[in-house]
Amino acid sequence: MSDVRWFQELKEDPRLKTRVKVENYLLVQLGMRPCSQTTMPVDLPSAEEMGSTIDRMMSPKMGQIKGEPDPRRRLAAIASLKKEMRAAYNQVVKASEQYRAHLDWAAALRLRTRIVDIRPTVQEVYVFKERRLGGELKRLMKEREKIRKRAYARASPGMDRVRLAYPEEFEGSWLRDLGEILGYPECCVDAYASDREGGLNVEERAATQLEESLRAGEVDPMAYYVGYFFPCTPDCEAALFKGKEGLSRLADLDPSWGNLYSTIVVENMENIRRQPEVIARYRARAQGDLGGRP
């Protein structure tokens, strides 16, 4: 089957979000970014439904744990719960057509994948072309495990839940390595890593910058060329270049892909503007969580 046919079928496949099709598959296949990161099940079309199903399946066990006064029994119950959560994830998410579609399309577009377990009900799927990136990702994920083990060993009752659950998000060297693999502009990676290391809220910083720029005039959304990316500034030339280059290549492939991408980057920009609200809701929910699905 010709590449043109593949691209048309990809456009029509309802099992993947449009943003994911463009940013995480086409831009990698076209050489516009070396690697993409997809979070399961968050980036699936039925993410909310899947998450609710898993929550319902785990609800009875969660109630038992919260009512267990004995610390040792509680720890044993939590360990058992995590195994059950992984089994539920396999049943609800991994067995779904939407999950399978990601692997099918990676193969169809001649892309490589590396799947990493993050939490009992969360996985990351990395999609890339060059074999060497698989080795770099493997090394980086091993380093993440070391960082997490150190964080767990130093855990204290008053420790921030996010820092305990995702300690690698506060390790500058780890963030810089991941940013390089994902092909983000160096200036943006440095700003993100420095903010995290310094305890600054990246989401607040990016949202404030964007709000100020919007009040001052128009903002070119091409700087927000992929989702969940925080440019160092809303007018970062390196980020704008990547966005405009991606738009040009997609439009050359098919004008309709270019039109879709133009809509996607606007949505990405709006998501950055709203990100502090999203994080606040997540943190409120996490206060009562036992380390399960974020």
Protein backbone atom coordinates (compact mmCIF):
# COMPACT_ATOMS: atom_id res chain seq x y z
CA MET A 1 0.00 0.00 0.00
CA SER A 2 1.33 3.45 -0.90
CA ASP A 3 2.22 6.05 1.71
CA VAL A 4 -0.58 8.28 0.38
CA ARG A 5 -3.10 5.53 1.12
CA TRP A 6 -1.66 5.05 4.61
CA PHE A 7 -1.95 8.75 5.36
CA GLN A 8 -5.57 8.84 4.18
CA GLU A 9 -6.48 5.83 6.31
CA LEU A 10 -4.74 7.38 9.31
CA LYS A 11 -6.78 10.55 8.88
CA GLU A 12 -10.02 8.54 8.91
CA ASP A 13 -9.15 6.20 11.81
CA PRO A 14 -11.36 7.14 14.81
CA ARG A 15 -9.23 5.11 17.24
CA LEU A 16 -6.62 7.87 17.58
CA LYS A 17 -7.05 11.50 18.56
CA THR A 18 -6.37 13.90 15.70
CA ARG A 19 -3.66 15.71 17.67
CA VAL A 20 -1.90 12.42 18.36
CA LYS A 21 -2.09 11.37 14.71
CA VAL A 22 -0.41 14.58 13.60
CA GLU A 23 2.07 15.32 16.39
CA ASN A 24 3.03 11.85 17.59
CA TYR A 25 3.02 9.93 14.31
CA LEU A 26 3.12 12.12 11.21
CA LEU A 27 5.67 14.63 12.49
CA VAL A 28 7.95 11.76 13.51
CA GLN A 29 7.43 9.92 10.23
CA LEU A 30 8.20 13.10 8.28
CA GLY A 31 11.38 13.69 10.29
CA MET A 32 10.07 16.85 11.95
CA ARG A 33 10.72 15.49 15.44
CA PRO A 34 12.97 12.58 16.46
CA CYS A 35 10.61 11.05 19.00
CA SER A 36 7.13 11.51 20.45
CA GLN A 37 5.62 10.59 23.81
CA THR A 38 2.05 9.34 24.16
CA THR A 39 0.56 8.76 27.61
CA MET A 40 -1.88 5.88 28.02
CA PRO A 41 -4.78 6.07 28.59
CA VAL A 42 -4.83 9.89 28.82
CA ASP A 43 -4.17 10.34 25.10
CA LEU A 44 -6.81 7.84 23.97
CA PRO A 45 -10.23 9.05 22.73
CA SER A 46 -12.04 7.06 25.45
CA ALA A 47 -9.66 8.02 28.26
CA GLU A 48 -12.36 9.35 30.60
CA GLU A 49 -14.54 6.29 30.16
CA MET A 50 -11.60 3.94 30.66
CA GLY A 51 -10.46 5.77 33.77
CA SER A 52 -13.96 5.69 35.25
CA THR A 53 -14.25 1.97 34.55
CA ILE A 54 -10.97 1.24 36.33
CA ASP A 55 -12.00 3.45 39.24
CA ARG A 56 -15.26 1.52 39.63
CA MET A 57 -13.40 -1.79 39.51
CA MET A 58 -10.99 -0.66 42.22
CA SER A 59 -13.46 1.21 44.43
CA PRO A 60 -14.29 -1.67 46.84
CA LYS A 61 -10.62 -2.42 47.49
CA MET A 62 -9.83 1.26 47.95
CA GLY A 63 -12.53 1.49 50.59
CA GLN A 64 -11.09 -1.49 52.45
CA ILE A 65 -7.61 0.05 52.49
CA LYS A 66 -8.82 3.40 53.80
CA GLY A 67 -10.58 1.59 56.64
CA GLU A 68 -7.60 -0.61 57.59
CA PRO A 69 -6.02 0.67 60.85
CA ASP A 70 -3.09 -1.77 60.99
CA PRO A 71 -0.07 -0.23 59.14
CA ARG A 72 1.42 -3.55 58.03
CA ARG A 73 -1.87 -4.88 56.73
CA ARG A 74 -2.47 -1.58 55.01
CA LEU A 75 0.88 -1.76 53.19
CA ALA A 76 0.19 -5.35 52.12
CA ALA A 77 -3.25 -4.34 50.88
CA ILE A 78 -1.78 -1.45 48.88
CA ALA A 79 0.72 -3.81 47.22
CA SER A 80 -2.14 -6.15 46.33
CA LEU A 81 -4.21 -3.24 45.04
CA LYS A 82 -1.45 -2.15 42.68
CA LYS A 83 -1.38 -5.64 41.13
CA GLU A 84 -5.13 -5.53 40.69
CA MET A 85 -4.88 -2.06 39.15
CA ARG A 86 -2.36 -3.32 36.62
CA ALA A 87 -4.66 -6.24 35.78
CA ALA A 88 -7.58 -3.84 35.35
CA TYR A 89 -5.46 -1.62 33.11
CA ASN A 90 -4.55 -4.61 30.95
CA GLN A 91 -8.21 -5.59 30.69
CA VAL A 92 -9.65 -2.13 30.03
CA VAL A 93 -6.88 -0.26 28.20
CA LYS A 94 -4.34 -2.66 26.69
CA ALA A 95 -7.04 -4.95 25.32
CA SER A 96 -8.83 -2.04 23.62
CA GLU A 97 -8.84 -1.30 19.91
CA GLN A 98 -7.67 2.23 20.64
CA TYR A 99 -4.51 0.97 22.36
CA ARG A 100 -3.86 -1.56 19.59
CA ALA A 101 -4.26 1.18 16.99
CA HIS A 102 -1.14 2.94 18.28
CA LEU A 103 1.01 -0.13 17.75
CA ASP A 104 -0.61 -0.88 14.40
CA TRP A 105 0.04 2.62 13.08
CA ALA A 106 3.61 2.67 14.32
CA ALA A 107 4.22 -0.51 12.32
CA ALA A 108 2.35 0.77 9.26
CA LEU A 109 4.41 3.98 9.21
CA ARG A 110 7.65 2.04 9.79
CA LEU A 111 8.27 3.58 13.20
CA ARG A 112 9.78 2.01 16.31
CA THR A 113 8.17 2.00 19.74
CA ARG A 114 9.23 1.67 23.36
CA ILE A 115 6.53 1.21 25.99
CA VAL A 116 7.31 2.18 29.58
CA ASP A 117 5.26 1.43 32.71
CA ILE A 118 4.88 4.61 34.78
CA ARG A 119 2.17 3.75 37.30
CA PRO A 120 -0.05 0.67 37.70
CA THR A 121 -2.55 2.24 35.30
CA VAL A 122 -0.31 4.54 33.26
CA GLN A 123 2.10 3.80 30.41
CA GLU A 124 4.15 5.98 28.08
CA VAL A 125 4.56 5.00 24.43
CA TYR A 126 7.60 6.49 22.72
CA VAL A 127 7.55 6.50 18.91
CA PHE A 128 10.73 7.11 16.91
CA LYS A 129 12.62 6.23 13.73
CA GLU A 130 16.27 5.86 14.69
CA ARG A 131 17.29 2.65 16.44
CA ARG A 132 19.81 4.51 18.65
CA LEU A 133 16.98 6.37 20.37
CA GLY A 134 15.68 3.08 21.70
CA GLY A 135 18.96 2.61 23.56
CA GLU A 136 18.93 6.18 24.85
CA LEU A 137 15.37 5.78 26.10
CA LYS A 138 16.25 2.51 27.82
CA ARG A 139 19.14 4.21 29.64
CA LEU A 140 16.98 7.18 30.60
CA MET A 141 14.19 4.99 31.97
CA LYS A 142 16.68 3.05 34.09
CA GLU A 143 17.88 6.37 35.48
CA ARG A 144 14.29 7.31 36.25
CA GLU A 145 13.91 4.14 38.32
CA LYS A 146 17.03 5.07 40.30
CA ILE A 147 15.67 8.57 40.91
CA ARG A 148 12.38 7.13 42.13
CA LYS A 149 14.06 4.65 44.47
CA ARG A 150 16.07 7.49 46.01
CA ALA A 151 12.91 9.55 46.44
CA TYR A 152 11.04 6.68 48.10
CA ALA A 153 13.96 6.06 50.45
CA ARG A 154 13.89 9.72 51.54
CA ALA A 155 10.11 10.01 51.72
CA SER A 156 8.65 11.80 54.74
CA PRO A 157 5.04 12.30 55.92
CA GLY A 158 4.97 15.93 54.81
CA MET A 159 6.54 15.35 51.39
CA ASP A 160 4.66 16.75 48.39
CA ARG A 161 2.74 13.93 46.69
CA VAL A 162 3.77 14.98 43.19
CA ARG A 163 7.47 15.06 44.14
CA LEU A 164 7.12 11.55 45.54
CA ALA A 165 5.15 10.17 42.59
CA TYR A 166 7.22 11.87 39.85
CA PRO A 167 10.60 12.84 41.37
CA GLU A 168 12.28 12.77 37.94
CA GLU A 169 10.28 15.90 37.07
CA PHE A 170 12.55 17.81 39.46
CA GLU A 171 15.89 16.38 38.21
CA GLY A 172 17.35 18.87 35.74
CA SER A 173 19.80 16.51 34.02
CA TRP A 174 17.09 13.89 33.47
CA LEU A 175 14.69 16.47 32.05
CA ARG A 176 17.34 17.86 29.71
CA ASP A 177 18.11 14.38 28.36
CA LEU A 178 14.44 13.65 27.76
CA GLY A 179 13.90 17.05 26.15
CA GLU A 180 16.76 16.37 23.74
CA ILE A 181 15.32 12.97 22.79
CA LEU A 182 11.92 14.55 22.15
CA GLY A 183 13.57 17.20 19.97
CA TYR A 184 12.47 20.25 21.94
CA PRO A 185 14.46 23.50 21.42
CA GLU A 186 17.43 23.65 23.78
CA CYS A 187 16.43 27.06 25.14
CA CYS A 188 12.98 25.75 26.07
CA VAL A 189 14.38 22.60 27.66
CA ASP A 190 16.82 24.67 29.73
CA ALA A 191 14.04 26.99 30.91
CA TYR A 192 11.79 24.06 31.85
CA ALA A 193 14.54 22.15 33.68
CA SER A 194 15.80 25.25 35.51
CA ASP A 195 12.28 26.13 36.65
CA ARG A 196 11.64 22.62 37.94
CA GLU A 197 15.00 22.45 39.73
CA GLY A 198 14.39 25.84 41.31
CA GLY A 199 10.94 24.89 42.53
CA LEU A 200 9.20 27.30 40.16
CA ASN A 201 5.82 26.37 38.72
CA VAL A 202 6.39 25.86 34.99
CA GLU A 203 2.68 25.81 34.25
CA GLU A 204 2.11 29.13 36.01
CA ARG A 205 5.13 30.69 34.33
CA ALA A 206 4.05 29.61 30.84
CA ALA A 207 0.42 30.60 31.38
CA THR A 208 1.39 34.03 32.76
CA GLN A 209 3.77 34.68 29.85
CA LEU A 210 1.04 33.76 27.40
CA GLU A 211 -1.60 35.92 29.08
CA GLU A 212 0.75 38.91 29.09
CA SER A 213 1.64 38.40 25.43
CA LEU A 214 -2.02 38.07 24.45
CA ARG A 215 -2.82 41.33 26.24
CA ALA A 216 0.05 43.03 24.42
CA GLY A 217 -1.05 41.82 21.00
CA GLU A 218 -1.38 38.73 18.85
CA VAL A 219 0.56 35.55 19.61
CA ASP A 220 1.64 33.15 16.88
CA PRO A 221 0.35 29.74 18.07
CA MET A 222 3.02 27.95 16.03
CA ALA A 223 5.33 28.25 19.06
CA TYR A 224 3.05 25.64 20.68
CA TYR A 225 3.88 23.16 17.94
CA VAL A 226 3.20 20.04 20.02
CA GLY A 227 0.96 19.40 23.01
CA TYR A 228 2.23 19.58 26.60
CA PHE A 229 5.25 21.58 25.43
CA PHE A 230 6.19 24.77 27.28
CA PRO A 231 8.18 27.22 25.13
CA CYS A 232 10.64 29.40 27.01
CA THR A 233 8.67 32.41 25.72
CA PRO A 234 5.54 32.68 23.56
CA ASP A 235 7.66 34.19 20.77
CA CYS A 236 10.56 31.72 20.98
CA GLU A 237 12.13 31.70 17.52
CA ALA A 238 13.31 28.10 17.78
CA ALA A 239 9.83 26.85 18.70
CA LEU A 240 8.20 28.99 16.00
CA PHE A 241 10.60 27.59 13.41
CA LYS A 242 9.68 24.02 14.33
CA GLY A 243 5.98 24.79 14.15
CA LYS A 244 6.18 26.56 10.80
CA GLU A 245 8.42 23.86 9.35
CA GLY A 246 5.99 21.19 10.50
CA LEU A 247 3.07 23.09 8.98
CA SER A 248 4.87 23.39 5.66
CA ARG A 249 5.69 19.68 5.48
CA LEU A 250 2.18 18.64 6.46
CA ALA A 251 0.62 20.99 3.92
CA ASP A 252 2.92 19.57 1.23
CA LEU A 253 1.74 16.09 2.19
CA ASP A 254 -1.91 17.14 1.99
CA PRO A 255 -3.43 20.61 2.52
CA SER A 256 -6.03 19.09 4.83
CA TRP A 257 -3.28 17.90 7.19
CA GLY A 258 -1.92 21.44 7.25
CA ASN A 259 -5.36 22.79 8.11
CA LEU A 260 -5.73 20.27 10.92
CA TYR A 261 -2.34 21.21 12.32
CA SER A 262 -3.19 24.92 12.26
CA THR A 263 -6.20 24.13 14.46
CA ILE A 264 -4.22 21.83 16.75
CA VAL A 265 -1.55 24.41 17.64
CA VAL A 266 -4.25 26.89 18.64
CA GLU A 267 -5.71 24.23 20.94
CA ASN A 268 -2.23 23.54 22.33
CA MET A 269 -1.80 27.23 23.11
CA GLU A 270 -5.18 27.39 24.85
CA ASN A 271 -4.29 24.31 26.90
CA ILE A 272 -1.14 26.04 28.14
CA ARG A 273 -3.23 29.05 29.14
CA ARG A 274 -5.53 26.76 31.14
CA GLN A 275 -2.86 24.39 32.47
CA PRO A 276 -2.65 25.84 36.01
CA GLU A 277 -6.36 25.10 36.47
CA VAL A 278 -5.86 21.52 35.29
CA ILE A 279 -2.91 20.99 37.63
CA ALA A 280 -4.87 22.42 40.57
CA ARG A 281 -7.71 19.97 39.95
CA TYR A 282 -5.27 17.07 39.69
CA ARG A 283 -3.52 18.03 42.92
CA ALA A 284 -6.85 18.26 44.74
CA ARG A 285 -7.76 14.80 43.55
CA ALA A 286 -4.32 13.36 44.32
CA GLN A 287 -4.60 14.29 47.99
CA GLY A 288 -6.95 11.36 48.48
CA ASP A 289 -5.24 9.02 46.03
CA LEU A 290 -3.06 6.05 46.92
CA GLY A 291 -0.73 6.42 43.96
CA GLY A 292 -2.98 5.16 41.20
CA ARG A 293 -4.22 6.68 37.97
CA PRO A 294 -3.40 10.38 37.59
